[in-house]
N, C-alpha and C. Protein backbone atom coordinates (compact mmCIF):
# COMPACT_ATOMS: atom_id res chain seq x y z
N UNK A 1 -263.83 83.75 -12.10
CA UNK A 1 -264.44 85.34 -12.14
C UNK A 1 -264.80 85.75 -13.65
N UNK A 2 -265.60 86.98 -13.89
CA UNK A 2 -265.68 87.31 -15.05
C UNK A 2 -264.83 88.50 -14.80
N UNK A 3 -264.19 88.71 -16.68
CA UNK A 3 -263.32 89.68 -16.58
C UNK A 3 -263.95 91.07 -17.23
N UNK A 4 -265.45 90.85 -16.95
CA UNK A 4 -266.27 91.98 -17.50
C UNK A 4 -266.29 93.22 -16.82
N UNK A 5 -266.51 94.49 -16.95
CA UNK A 5 -266.28 95.61 -16.09
C UNK A 5 -267.52 95.80 -15.42
N UNK A 6 -267.55 96.42 -14.29
CA UNK A 6 -268.87 96.88 -13.74
C UNK A 6 -269.88 97.79 -14.24
N UNK A 7 -269.12 98.30 -15.51
CA UNK A 7 -270.50 99.51 -16.75
C UNK A 7 -270.56 97.91 -17.37
N UNK A 8 -270.12 97.13 -17.92
CA UNK A 8 -270.71 95.67 -18.98
C UNK A 8 -271.47 95.08 -18.13
N UNK A 9 -271.69 95.09 -16.73
CA UNK A 9 -272.37 94.49 -16.23
C UNK A 9 -274.18 95.36 -16.03
N UNK A 10 -273.62 96.53 -15.74
CA UNK A 10 -274.80 97.80 -15.35
C UNK A 10 -275.22 97.89 -16.62
N UNK A 11 -274.79 97.91 -17.92
CA UNK A 11 -275.57 97.66 -18.78
C UNK A 11 -276.31 96.55 -19.51
N UNK A 12 -275.59 95.39 -19.44
CA UNK A 12 -276.77 94.15 -19.24
C UNK A 12 -277.69 94.42 -18.22
N UNK A 13 -277.98 94.54 -17.39
CA UNK A 13 -278.97 94.56 -16.38
C UNK A 13 -279.58 95.11 -16.32
N UNK A 14 -279.59 96.49 -17.57
CA UNK A 14 -280.62 97.72 -18.22
C UNK A 14 -281.32 96.85 -18.93
N UNK A 15 -280.57 96.54 -20.16
CA UNK A 15 -281.45 95.67 -20.96
C UNK A 15 -282.12 94.49 -20.65
N UNK A 16 -281.99 94.06 -19.47
CA UNK A 16 -282.55 92.64 -18.87
C UNK A 16 -283.86 92.68 -19.31
N UNK A 17 -284.73 91.67 -19.58
CA UNK A 17 -286.91 92.03 -19.99
C UNK A 17 -287.19 92.17 -18.23
N UNK A 18 -286.64 91.95 -17.37
CA UNK A 18 -287.20 92.26 -15.52
C UNK A 18 -286.76 93.59 -15.63
N UNK A 19 -287.50 94.51 -15.24
CA UNK A 19 -287.27 95.35 -15.31
C UNK A 19 -287.18 96.10 -13.35
N UNK A 20 -287.20 95.10 -12.92
CA UNK A 20 -287.94 95.42 -10.83
C UNK A 20 -286.70 96.48 -10.31
N UNK A 21 -287.16 96.86 -9.83
CA UNK A 21 -286.59 97.97 -8.61
C UNK A 21 -284.80 97.57 -8.14
N UNK A 22 -284.89 96.20 -7.97
CA UNK A 22 -283.62 95.89 -7.56
C UNK A 22 -282.39 95.47 -8.91
N UNK A 23 -283.09 95.35 -9.89
CA UNK A 23 -281.88 94.98 -10.77
C UNK A 23 -281.51 96.74 -11.29
N UNK A 24 -282.43 97.61 -11.13
CA UNK A 24 -282.12 98.99 -11.50
C UNK A 24 -281.17 100.23 -10.47
N UNK A 25 -281.21 99.17 -9.40
CA UNK A 25 -280.80 99.99 -8.19
C UNK A 25 -278.82 99.18 -8.38
N UNK A 26 -278.99 97.57 -8.29
CA UNK A 26 -278.01 97.39 -8.91
C UNK A 26 -277.31 98.06 -9.84
N UNK A 27 -277.91 97.87 -11.05
CA UNK A 27 -277.14 98.74 -12.04
C UNK A 27 -276.70 100.20 -11.85
N UNK A 28 -277.38 100.55 -10.63
CA UNK A 28 -276.94 102.83 -11.27
C UNK A 28 -275.73 101.99 -9.50
N UNK A 29 -275.42 101.04 -8.69
CA UNK A 29 -274.50 101.12 -8.20
C UNK A 29 -273.51 100.59 -8.53
N UNK A 30 -273.53 99.32 -9.72
CA UNK A 30 -272.27 99.29 -10.56
C UNK A 30 -271.81 100.51 -11.38
N UNK A 31 -272.81 101.21 -11.51
CA UNK A 31 -272.36 102.50 -12.08
C UNK A 31 -271.82 103.34 -11.49
N UNK A 32 -271.76 104.08 -9.99
CA UNK A 32 -271.01 104.33 -9.38
C UNK A 32 -269.76 103.91 -8.54
N UNK A 33 -269.92 102.18 -9.20
CA UNK A 33 -268.67 101.95 -8.52
C UNK A 33 -267.25 101.78 -9.65
N UNK A 34 -268.15 101.44 -10.78
CA UNK A 34 -267.26 101.98 -12.42
C UNK A 34 -266.48 103.52 -12.01
N UNK A 35 -267.20 104.18 -11.72
CA UNK A 35 -266.70 105.76 -11.96
C UNK A 35 -265.81 106.16 -10.65
N UNK A 36 -266.14 105.63 -9.15
CA UNK A 36 -265.12 105.18 -8.47
C UNK A 36 -263.49 104.96 -8.98
N UNK A 37 -264.08 103.77 -9.30
CA UNK A 37 -262.74 102.89 -10.06
C UNK A 37 -261.76 103.54 -10.56
N UNK A 38 -262.52 104.24 -11.61
CA UNK A 38 -262.15 105.16 -12.73
C UNK A 38 -261.21 106.25 -11.93
N UNK A 39 -261.80 107.23 -10.53
CA UNK A 39 -261.26 108.37 -10.30
C UNK A 39 -260.32 107.56 -9.45
N UNK A 40 -260.15 106.45 -9.00
CA UNK A 40 -259.02 105.61 -8.20
C UNK A 40 -258.09 105.39 -9.15
N UNK A 41 -258.31 105.11 -10.53
CA UNK A 41 -257.11 105.16 -11.09
C UNK A 41 -256.26 106.29 -11.51
N UNK A 42 -256.96 107.32 -11.80
CA UNK A 42 -256.60 108.90 -11.61
C UNK A 42 -255.88 109.01 -11.08
N UNK A 43 -256.04 109.09 -9.07
CA UNK A 43 -255.85 109.19 -8.65
C UNK A 43 -254.07 108.59 -8.20
N UNK A 44 -254.32 107.33 -8.93
CA UNK A 44 -252.96 106.53 -8.81
C UNK A 44 -251.73 106.73 -9.91
N UNK A 45 -252.41 107.42 -10.99
CA UNK A 45 -251.50 108.07 -12.13
C UNK A 45 -250.58 108.90 -10.95
N UNK A 46 -251.49 109.90 -10.80
CA UNK A 46 -250.89 111.54 -9.93
C UNK A 46 -249.69 111.15 -9.05
N UNK A 47 -249.93 109.95 -7.94
CA UNK A 47 -248.92 109.40 -7.03
C UNK A 47 -248.01 108.68 -7.68
N UNK A 48 -248.28 107.88 -8.57
CA UNK A 48 -246.95 107.37 -9.43
C UNK A 48 -245.84 108.71 -9.84
N UNK A 49 -246.47 109.17 -10.73
CA UNK A 49 -246.09 110.65 -11.43
C UNK A 49 -245.07 111.24 -10.02
N UNK A 50 -246.17 111.37 -9.13
CA UNK A 50 -245.33 112.59 -8.35
C UNK A 50 -243.87 111.51 -7.61
N UNK A 51 -244.09 110.42 -7.46
CA UNK A 51 -242.79 109.73 -7.29
C UNK A 51 -242.09 109.44 -7.59
N UNK A 52 -242.34 109.21 -8.90
CA UNK A 52 -240.99 109.07 -10.41
C UNK A 52 -240.27 110.16 -10.23
N UNK A 53 -240.82 111.58 -10.29
CA UNK A 53 -240.37 113.15 -10.13
C UNK A 53 -239.50 113.23 -8.72
N UNK A 54 -240.27 112.73 -7.87
CA UNK A 54 -239.08 112.68 -6.75
C UNK A 54 -237.97 111.72 -6.56
N UNK A 55 -238.03 110.81 -6.98
CA UNK A 55 -237.07 110.00 -6.91
C UNK A 55 -236.22 109.98 -8.47
N UNK A 56 -237.15 110.89 -9.28
CA UNK A 56 -236.03 111.40 -10.92
C UNK A 56 -235.64 110.30 -11.74
N UNK A 57 -236.69 109.72 -11.68
CA UNK A 57 -236.60 108.05 -12.58
C UNK A 57 -238.04 107.97 -13.15
N UNK A 58 -238.30 107.02 -13.89
CA UNK A 58 -239.56 107.21 -14.26
C UNK A 58 -240.42 106.20 -13.95
N UNK A 59 -240.13 105.89 -12.64
CA UNK A 59 -241.01 104.98 -11.88
C UNK A 59 -240.70 103.36 -11.44
N UNK A 60 -239.22 103.31 -11.79
CA UNK A 60 -238.64 102.10 -11.59
C UNK A 60 -237.86 101.45 -9.86
N UNK A 61 -237.83 102.75 -9.28
CA UNK A 61 -237.80 103.42 -7.80
C UNK A 61 -239.30 102.56 -7.11
N UNK A 62 -240.27 103.31 -7.80
CA UNK A 62 -241.48 102.59 -6.83
C UNK A 62 -241.72 101.49 -7.34
N UNK A 63 -241.73 100.60 -8.76
CA UNK A 63 -241.66 99.41 -9.19
C UNK A 63 -241.12 98.58 -8.15
N UNK A 64 -240.11 98.91 -8.17
CA UNK A 64 -239.07 98.04 -7.53
C UNK A 64 -239.24 97.83 -6.09
N UNK A 65 -239.51 99.01 -5.38
CA UNK A 65 -239.29 98.79 -3.54
C UNK A 65 -240.72 98.98 -3.44
N UNK A 66 -242.08 99.01 -4.59
CA UNK A 66 -243.10 99.22 -3.68
C UNK A 66 -243.65 100.54 -3.60
N UNK A 67 -245.17 100.82 -3.71
CA UNK A 67 -245.12 102.24 -3.30
C UNK A 67 -245.20 102.29 -1.57
N UNK A 68 -245.67 101.89 -0.37
CA UNK A 68 -245.27 102.48 0.44
C UNK A 68 -243.82 103.04 0.94
N UNK A 69 -242.78 102.10 0.28
CA UNK A 69 -241.14 102.63 0.46
C UNK A 69 -240.71 103.61 -0.17
N UNK A 70 -241.52 103.88 -1.20
CA UNK A 70 -241.48 104.59 -2.16
C UNK A 70 -241.20 106.02 -1.50
N UNK A 71 -243.17 106.22 -0.93
CA UNK A 71 -243.25 107.26 -0.40
C UNK A 71 -242.80 107.91 0.62
N UNK A 72 -242.08 106.33 1.51
CA UNK A 72 -241.46 107.24 2.82
C UNK A 72 -240.04 107.82 2.07
N UNK A 73 -239.46 106.79 1.20
CA UNK A 73 -238.12 107.68 1.04
C UNK A 73 -238.47 109.11 0.23
N UNK A 74 -239.38 109.30 -0.56
CA UNK A 74 -239.69 110.22 -0.82
C UNK A 74 -240.00 111.40 0.18
N UNK A 75 -240.52 111.43 1.23
CA UNK A 75 -240.71 111.60 2.13
C UNK A 75 -239.58 112.42 3.01
N UNK A 76 -238.51 111.80 2.80
CA UNK A 76 -237.38 111.70 3.75
C UNK A 76 -236.61 112.86 2.30
N UNK A 77 -236.41 112.69 1.21
CA UNK A 77 -235.95 113.14 0.41
C UNK A 77 -236.92 114.56 0.43
N UNK A 78 -237.53 114.75 0.22
CA UNK A 78 -238.67 116.42 0.66
C UNK A 78 -237.97 117.23 1.69
N UNK A 79 -238.10 116.08 3.07
CA UNK A 79 -237.64 116.94 4.09
C UNK A 79 -236.18 117.43 4.11
N UNK A 80 -235.19 116.60 3.68
CA UNK A 80 -233.94 116.95 3.49
C UNK A 80 -233.99 118.27 2.89
N UNK A 81 -234.58 118.14 1.45
CA UNK A 81 -234.85 119.11 0.87
C UNK A 81 -235.13 120.74 1.19
N UNK A 82 -236.16 120.37 1.85
CA UNK A 82 -236.79 121.54 2.47
C UNK A 82 -235.61 122.19 3.84
N UNK A 83 -234.98 121.22 4.38
CA UNK A 83 -233.84 121.26 5.59
C UNK A 83 -232.71 122.16 4.85
N UNK A 84 -232.63 121.80 3.41
CA UNK A 84 -231.55 122.07 3.16
C UNK A 84 -231.70 124.05 2.88
N UNK A 85 -233.32 124.40 2.55
CA UNK A 85 -233.26 125.30 2.23
C UNK A 85 -233.91 126.29 3.81
N UNK A 86 -234.22 125.55 4.98
CA UNK A 86 -234.39 126.07 5.93
C UNK A 86 -232.85 126.58 6.77
N UNK A 87 -232.26 126.04 6.64
CA UNK A 87 -231.14 126.04 7.67
C UNK A 87 -230.13 127.51 6.29
N UNK A 88 -230.08 127.14 5.28
CA UNK A 88 -229.99 128.37 4.70
C UNK A 88 -230.70 129.50 3.82
N UNK A 89 -231.65 130.19 4.60
CA UNK A 89 -232.67 130.68 3.82
C UNK A 89 -232.99 131.27 2.61
N UNK A 90 -231.01 131.82 3.02
CA UNK A 90 -231.16 132.90 1.38
C UNK A 90 -230.17 132.35 0.33
N UNK A 91 -230.53 130.89 0.35
CA UNK A 91 -229.70 130.18 -0.56
C UNK A 91 -229.56 130.39 -1.66
N UNK A 92 -228.31 130.21 -2.70
CA UNK A 92 -228.48 130.50 -4.03
C UNK A 92 -228.35 129.06 -4.84
N UNK A 93 -228.80 129.10 -5.81
CA UNK A 93 -229.27 127.85 -6.75
C UNK A 93 -227.86 126.41 -6.68
N UNK A 94 -226.91 127.54 -6.57
CA UNK A 94 -225.85 125.86 -6.55
C UNK A 94 -225.29 125.22 -4.93
N UNK A 95 -226.21 126.13 -4.32
CA UNK A 95 -225.42 125.26 -2.89
C UNK A 95 -226.60 124.47 -2.62
N UNK A 96 -228.03 124.44 -3.20
CA UNK A 96 -228.67 123.65 -3.24
C UNK A 96 -228.63 122.54 -3.75
N UNK A 97 -228.03 122.05 -5.10
CA UNK A 97 -227.53 121.56 -5.84
C UNK A 97 -226.61 121.07 -5.32
N UNK A 98 -225.77 121.60 -4.55
CA UNK A 98 -224.57 120.78 -4.21
C UNK A 98 -224.95 120.10 -2.91
N UNK A 99 -225.80 120.72 -1.79
CA UNK A 99 -226.36 119.26 -0.87
C UNK A 99 -227.73 118.11 -1.46
N UNK A 100 -228.40 118.77 -2.41
CA UNK A 100 -229.11 117.55 -3.03
C UNK A 100 -228.69 116.57 -3.83
N UNK A 101 -227.34 116.82 -4.39
CA UNK A 101 -227.00 116.18 -5.35
C UNK A 101 -226.87 116.34 -6.41
N UNK A 102 -227.27 117.21 -7.22
CA UNK A 102 -227.91 117.50 -8.05
C UNK A 102 -226.71 118.29 -8.97
N UNK A 103 -227.05 118.55 -10.46
CA UNK A 103 -226.72 119.95 -11.04
C UNK A 103 -227.67 120.90 -10.56
N UNK A 104 -226.78 121.94 -10.88
CA UNK A 104 -227.13 123.20 -10.62
C UNK A 104 -228.63 123.55 -11.82
N UNK A 105 -228.95 123.21 -12.88
CA UNK A 105 -230.09 123.62 -13.46
C UNK A 105 -231.19 122.41 -13.03
N UNK A 106 -231.17 121.40 -12.60
CA UNK A 106 -231.66 120.44 -11.29
C UNK A 106 -232.77 120.94 -10.58
N UNK A 107 -231.52 121.92 -9.87
CA UNK A 107 -231.93 122.10 -8.82
C UNK A 107 -232.49 123.61 -8.94
N UNK A 108 -232.52 124.56 -9.65
CA UNK A 108 -233.14 125.82 -9.93
C UNK A 108 -234.51 124.85 -10.00
N UNK A 109 -234.65 123.94 -11.29
CA UNK A 109 -236.22 123.67 -12.03
C UNK A 109 -237.04 123.21 -10.64
N UNK A 110 -236.52 122.57 -9.49
CA UNK A 110 -236.74 121.95 -8.40
C UNK A 110 -237.37 122.86 -7.32
N UNK A 111 -236.52 124.60 -7.27
CA UNK A 111 -237.04 125.34 -6.31
C UNK A 111 -238.17 126.22 -7.18
N UNK A 112 -237.79 126.00 -8.60
CA UNK A 112 -239.42 126.60 -9.38
C UNK A 112 -240.60 125.89 -8.84
N UNK A 113 -240.60 124.82 -8.87
CA UNK A 113 -241.49 124.27 -8.69
C UNK A 113 -241.89 124.03 -7.39
N UNK A 114 -241.31 124.33 -6.61
CA UNK A 114 -241.17 124.39 -5.24
C UNK A 114 -242.09 126.21 -4.57
N UNK A 115 -241.71 126.71 -5.53
CA UNK A 115 -242.50 128.46 -6.00
C UNK A 115 -243.35 127.97 -6.24
N UNK A 116 -244.13 127.07 -7.28
CA UNK A 116 -245.35 127.10 -7.79
C UNK A 116 -246.26 126.75 -6.72
N UNK A 117 -246.05 125.87 -5.88
CA UNK A 117 -247.00 125.23 -5.39
C UNK A 117 -246.84 125.77 -3.81
N UNK A 118 -245.92 126.68 -3.63
CA UNK A 118 -246.36 127.78 -1.95
C UNK A 118 -245.04 127.33 -1.16
N UNK A 119 -244.04 126.72 -1.49
CA UNK A 119 -243.27 126.34 -0.76
C UNK A 119 -242.15 126.90 -0.26
N UNK A 120 -242.02 127.62 -1.36
CA UNK A 120 -240.69 128.80 -1.19
C UNK A 120 -240.92 129.83 -1.89
N UNK A 121 -240.19 131.00 -1.28
CA UNK A 121 -240.67 132.44 -2.31
C UNK A 121 -239.37 132.60 -3.20
N UNK A 122 -238.97 133.72 -3.72
CA UNK A 122 -237.79 133.60 -4.69
C UNK A 122 -237.75 135.42 -4.60
N UNK A 123 -236.49 135.61 -4.35
CA UNK A 123 -236.23 137.08 -4.89
C UNK A 123 -235.10 137.30 -5.98
N UNK A 124 -234.81 138.22 -6.91
CA UNK A 124 -233.39 138.48 -6.69
C UNK A 124 -233.49 139.91 -6.91
N UNK A 125 -231.66 139.78 -7.05
CA UNK A 125 -230.50 140.80 -6.47
C UNK A 125 -229.66 140.65 -7.25
N UNK A 126 -229.16 141.64 -7.97
CA UNK A 126 -228.34 141.51 -9.34
C UNK A 126 -228.38 140.11 -10.44
N UNK A 127 -229.42 140.09 -10.93
CA UNK A 127 -229.61 138.97 -11.54
C UNK A 127 -229.21 137.37 -10.61
N UNK A 128 -229.29 137.14 -9.76
CA UNK A 128 -229.01 135.84 -8.91
C UNK A 128 -230.37 135.72 -8.40
N UNK A 129 -230.68 134.53 -8.32
CA UNK A 129 -232.12 134.16 -7.25
C UNK A 129 -231.79 133.57 -6.39
N UNK A 130 -232.51 134.03 -5.00
CA UNK A 130 -232.44 133.86 -3.67
C UNK A 130 -233.96 133.13 -3.64
N UNK A 131 -233.76 131.85 -3.11
CA UNK A 131 -234.95 131.00 -2.33
C UNK A 131 -234.86 131.53 -0.76
N UNK A 132 -236.32 131.34 -0.16
CA UNK A 132 -236.43 131.43 1.42
C UNK A 132 -237.65 130.55 1.49
N UNK A 133 -237.51 129.74 2.64
CA UNK A 133 -238.79 128.84 3.27
C UNK A 133 -239.84 129.95 3.36
N UNK A 134 -241.20 129.49 2.38
CA UNK A 134 -242.75 130.76 2.46
C UNK A 134 -242.96 130.40 4.24
């Protein structure tokens, strides 16, 4: 099998001496295929990045266990985080940190990201942040 990309083959078809409709159609199909492959690569990058953030590593967990298990375990972790907030709707950062097994600053960062995603809301009282499930 050739190592050439769909885009390279499409360019070769365009420059071929015969300009039949079939060649033009094939070249266009290869260009669409190339664009779709690029889109899927970008999506894969975002998925792997999200898994690495959820598993708190640089992607090693996904590389070791595969995407399917990494997704299943990430979902379980997110559910555990959300359950922590649901059981104690007005929780302080430190109680979240203890329940998910991380330091206070990491818990605060996670809750801020969840706030940005609309999953939780935050209010402050006496310079202490409280979150509740949105």
